[in-house]
């Protein structure tokens, strides 16, 4: 069983021609993982699973109109 989380943020603009974003961006990253192992003699069997997700947040005042 385990979990992970993190984040990212920026206070600069995107240097892409024609973009409509400037200012800062923020992102949350997180997930969970788990697994189970079973040993039978010299053999080890196991199953594992994980789920991760991220959410990008762009504050509305940073969108160019």
N, C-alpha and C. Protein backbone atom coordinates (compact mmCIF):
# COMPACT_ATOMS: atom_id res chain seq x y z
N UNK A 1 0.84 -1.17 0.00
CA UNK A 1 0.00 0.00 0.00
C UNK A 1 0.89 1.24 0.00
N UNK A 2 0.49 2.22 -0.74
CA UNK A 2 1.26 3.45 -0.76
C UNK A 2 0.49 4.57 -1.41
N UNK A 3 1.03 5.75 -1.30
CA UNK A 3 0.41 6.93 -1.90
C UNK A 3 1.51 7.88 -2.35
N UNK A 4 1.19 8.71 -3.30
CA UNK A 4 2.13 9.74 -3.74
C UNK A 4 1.36 11.00 -4.05
N UNK A 5 2.02 12.12 -3.87
CA UNK A 5 1.40 13.40 -4.19
C UNK A 5 2.49 14.42 -4.47
N UNK A 6 2.11 15.45 -5.14
CA UNK A 6 3.06 16.51 -5.46
C UNK A 6 2.34 17.66 -6.13
N UNK A 7 3.11 18.61 -6.57
CA UNK A 7 2.52 19.77 -7.21
C UNK A 7 3.54 20.48 -8.06
N UNK A 8 3.02 21.36 -8.88
CA UNK A 8 3.88 22.17 -9.73
C UNK A 8 3.21 23.53 -9.91
N UNK A 9 4.00 24.55 -10.07
CA UNK A 9 3.44 25.87 -10.29
C UNK A 9 4.44 26.71 -11.07
N UNK A 10 3.92 27.73 -11.69
CA UNK A 10 4.73 28.63 -12.50
C UNK A 10 4.16 30.03 -12.39
N UNK A 11 5.02 31.02 -12.43
CA UNK A 11 4.53 32.40 -12.46
C UNK A 11 4.92 33.08 -13.76
N UNK A 12 5.36 32.31 -14.74
CA UNK A 12 5.72 32.86 -16.04
C UNK A 12 4.67 32.54 -17.07
N UNK A 13 4.87 33.01 -18.27
CA UNK A 13 3.93 32.76 -19.35
C UNK A 13 4.39 31.58 -20.20
N UNK A 14 3.50 31.16 -21.09
CA UNK A 14 3.85 30.12 -22.04
C UNK A 14 4.46 30.77 -23.27
N UNK A 15 5.59 30.29 -23.70
CA UNK A 15 6.28 30.85 -24.86
C UNK A 15 5.86 30.08 -26.12
N UNK A 16 4.57 30.11 -26.42
CA UNK A 16 4.03 29.43 -27.58
C UNK A 16 3.30 30.47 -28.43
N UNK A 17 3.66 30.61 -29.69
CA UNK A 17 2.99 31.61 -30.53
C UNK A 17 1.48 31.38 -30.57
N UNK A 18 0.71 32.42 -30.35
CA UNK A 18 -0.74 32.33 -30.42
C UNK A 18 -1.40 31.81 -29.16
N UNK A 19 -0.66 31.62 -28.07
CA UNK A 19 -1.30 31.12 -26.85
C UNK A 19 -2.10 32.24 -26.20
N UNK A 20 -3.07 31.85 -25.37
CA UNK A 20 -3.89 32.85 -24.70
C UNK A 20 -3.70 32.80 -23.19
N UNK A 21 -2.57 32.34 -22.72
CA UNK A 21 -2.29 32.26 -21.30
C UNK A 21 -1.07 33.09 -20.93
N UNK A 22 -1.14 33.75 -19.83
CA UNK A 22 0.02 34.43 -19.27
C UNK A 22 -0.14 34.41 -17.76
N UNK A 23 0.94 34.62 -17.04
CA UNK A 23 0.87 34.60 -15.58
C UNK A 23 1.22 33.23 -15.05
N UNK A 24 0.51 32.79 -14.00
CA UNK A 24 0.87 31.54 -13.34
C UNK A 24 -0.09 30.39 -13.59
N UNK A 25 0.43 29.21 -13.48
CA UNK A 25 -0.32 27.97 -13.57
C UNK A 25 0.01 27.13 -12.35
N UNK A 26 -0.92 26.30 -11.91
CA UNK A 26 -0.63 25.39 -10.81
C UNK A 26 -1.23 24.03 -11.11
N UNK A 27 -0.64 22.99 -10.53
CA UNK A 27 -1.08 21.63 -10.81
C UNK A 27 -0.93 20.78 -9.56
N UNK A 28 -1.90 19.92 -9.33
CA UNK A 28 -1.82 18.92 -8.26
C UNK A 28 -1.65 17.56 -8.91
N UNK A 29 -0.76 16.76 -8.34
CA UNK A 29 -0.49 15.41 -8.85
C UNK A 29 -0.60 14.46 -7.67
N UNK A 30 -1.32 13.36 -7.83
CA UNK A 30 -1.44 12.41 -6.73
C UNK A 30 -1.92 11.05 -7.20
N UNK A 31 -1.79 10.07 -6.32
CA UNK A 31 -2.25 8.74 -6.67
C UNK A 31 -2.06 7.76 -5.53
N UNK A 32 -2.53 6.54 -5.77
CA UNK A 32 -2.39 5.45 -4.80
C UNK A 32 -1.92 4.21 -5.54
N UNK A 33 -1.28 3.33 -4.81
CA UNK A 33 -0.87 2.06 -5.37
C UNK A 33 -0.95 0.99 -4.28
N UNK A 34 -1.18 -0.23 -4.71
CA UNK A 34 -1.28 -1.34 -3.77
C UNK A 34 -1.00 -2.65 -4.48
N UNK A 35 -0.71 -3.67 -3.69
CA UNK A 35 -0.42 -4.96 -4.28
C UNK A 35 -0.40 -6.06 -3.24
N UNK A 36 -0.35 -7.30 -3.74
CA UNK A 36 -0.32 -8.47 -2.86
C UNK A 36 0.56 -9.52 -3.52
N UNK A 37 1.43 -10.16 -2.74
CA UNK A 37 2.29 -11.23 -3.22
C UNK A 37 1.98 -12.53 -2.48
N UNK A 38 2.12 -13.65 -3.20
CA UNK A 38 1.90 -14.97 -2.61
C UNK A 38 3.02 -15.88 -3.08
N UNK A 39 3.70 -16.54 -2.14
CA UNK A 39 4.80 -17.43 -2.49
C UNK A 39 4.34 -18.87 -2.34
N UNK A 40 4.58 -19.66 -3.40
CA UNK A 40 4.28 -21.09 -3.41
C UNK A 40 5.56 -21.82 -3.78
N UNK A 41 6.25 -22.35 -2.80
CA UNK A 41 7.53 -23.00 -3.06
C UNK A 41 8.55 -21.99 -3.54
N UNK A 42 9.11 -22.25 -4.71
CA UNK A 42 10.11 -21.34 -5.29
C UNK A 42 9.48 -20.27 -6.18
N UNK A 43 8.16 -20.26 -6.27
CA UNK A 43 7.47 -19.31 -7.16
C UNK A 43 6.83 -18.19 -6.35
N UNK A 44 6.89 -17.01 -6.90
CA UNK A 44 6.26 -15.85 -6.28
C UNK A 44 5.23 -15.29 -7.26
N UNK A 45 3.98 -15.20 -6.81
CA UNK A 45 2.90 -14.66 -7.61
C UNK A 45 2.46 -13.35 -6.98
N UNK A 46 2.07 -12.43 -7.80
CA UNK A 46 1.64 -11.16 -7.25
C UNK A 46 0.72 -10.42 -8.18
N UNK A 47 0.01 -9.49 -7.59
CA UNK A 47 -0.86 -8.60 -8.35
C UNK A 47 -0.64 -7.19 -7.81
N UNK A 48 -0.58 -6.24 -8.70
CA UNK A 48 -0.36 -4.85 -8.31
C UNK A 48 -1.29 -3.95 -9.11
N UNK A 49 -1.64 -2.84 -8.53
CA UNK A 49 -2.46 -1.86 -9.23
C UNK A 49 -2.11 -0.47 -8.77
N UNK A 50 -2.38 0.49 -9.63
CA UNK A 50 -2.11 1.88 -9.26
C UNK A 50 -3.06 2.80 -10.01
N UNK A 51 -3.26 3.95 -9.43
CA UNK A 51 -4.05 5.01 -10.05
C UNK A 51 -3.37 6.33 -9.76
N UNK A 52 -3.16 7.13 -10.78
CA UNK A 52 -2.57 8.46 -10.63
C UNK A 52 -3.40 9.45 -11.42
N UNK A 53 -3.42 10.67 -10.95
CA UNK A 53 -4.15 11.71 -11.64
C UNK A 53 -3.50 13.06 -11.43
N UNK A 54 -3.85 13.98 -12.29
CA UNK A 54 -3.31 15.34 -12.20
C UNK A 54 -4.41 16.32 -12.60
N UNK A 55 -4.36 17.49 -12.02
CA UNK A 55 -5.33 18.53 -12.36
C UNK A 55 -4.64 19.86 -12.56
N UNK A 56 -4.77 20.41 -13.75
CA UNK A 56 -4.16 21.70 -14.08
C UNK A 56 -5.17 22.80 -13.78
N UNK A 57 -4.76 23.79 -13.03
CA UNK A 57 -5.63 24.90 -12.66
C UNK A 57 -5.09 26.18 -13.30
N UNK A 58 -5.94 26.84 -14.07
CA UNK A 58 -5.59 28.11 -14.68
C UNK A 58 -6.55 29.15 -14.13
N UNK A 59 -6.11 30.02 -13.22
CA UNK A 59 -7.00 31.05 -12.67
C UNK A 59 -7.60 31.90 -13.80
N UNK A 60 -8.89 32.19 -13.70
CA UNK A 60 -9.59 32.90 -14.78
C UNK A 60 -9.00 34.28 -15.07
N UNK A 61 -8.41 34.95 -14.07
CA UNK A 61 -7.86 36.28 -14.33
C UNK A 61 -6.59 36.22 -15.18
N UNK A 62 -6.06 35.01 -15.45
CA UNK A 62 -4.87 34.89 -16.27
C UNK A 62 -5.19 34.68 -17.75
N UNK A 63 -6.46 34.49 -18.07
CA UNK A 63 -6.83 34.29 -19.47
C UNK A 63 -6.93 35.64 -20.17
N UNK A 64 -6.28 35.74 -21.31
CA UNK A 64 -6.37 36.96 -22.11
C UNK A 64 -7.72 37.02 -22.76
N UNK A 65 -8.28 38.18 -22.87
CA UNK A 65 -9.60 38.33 -23.50
C UNK A 65 -9.47 39.04 -24.81
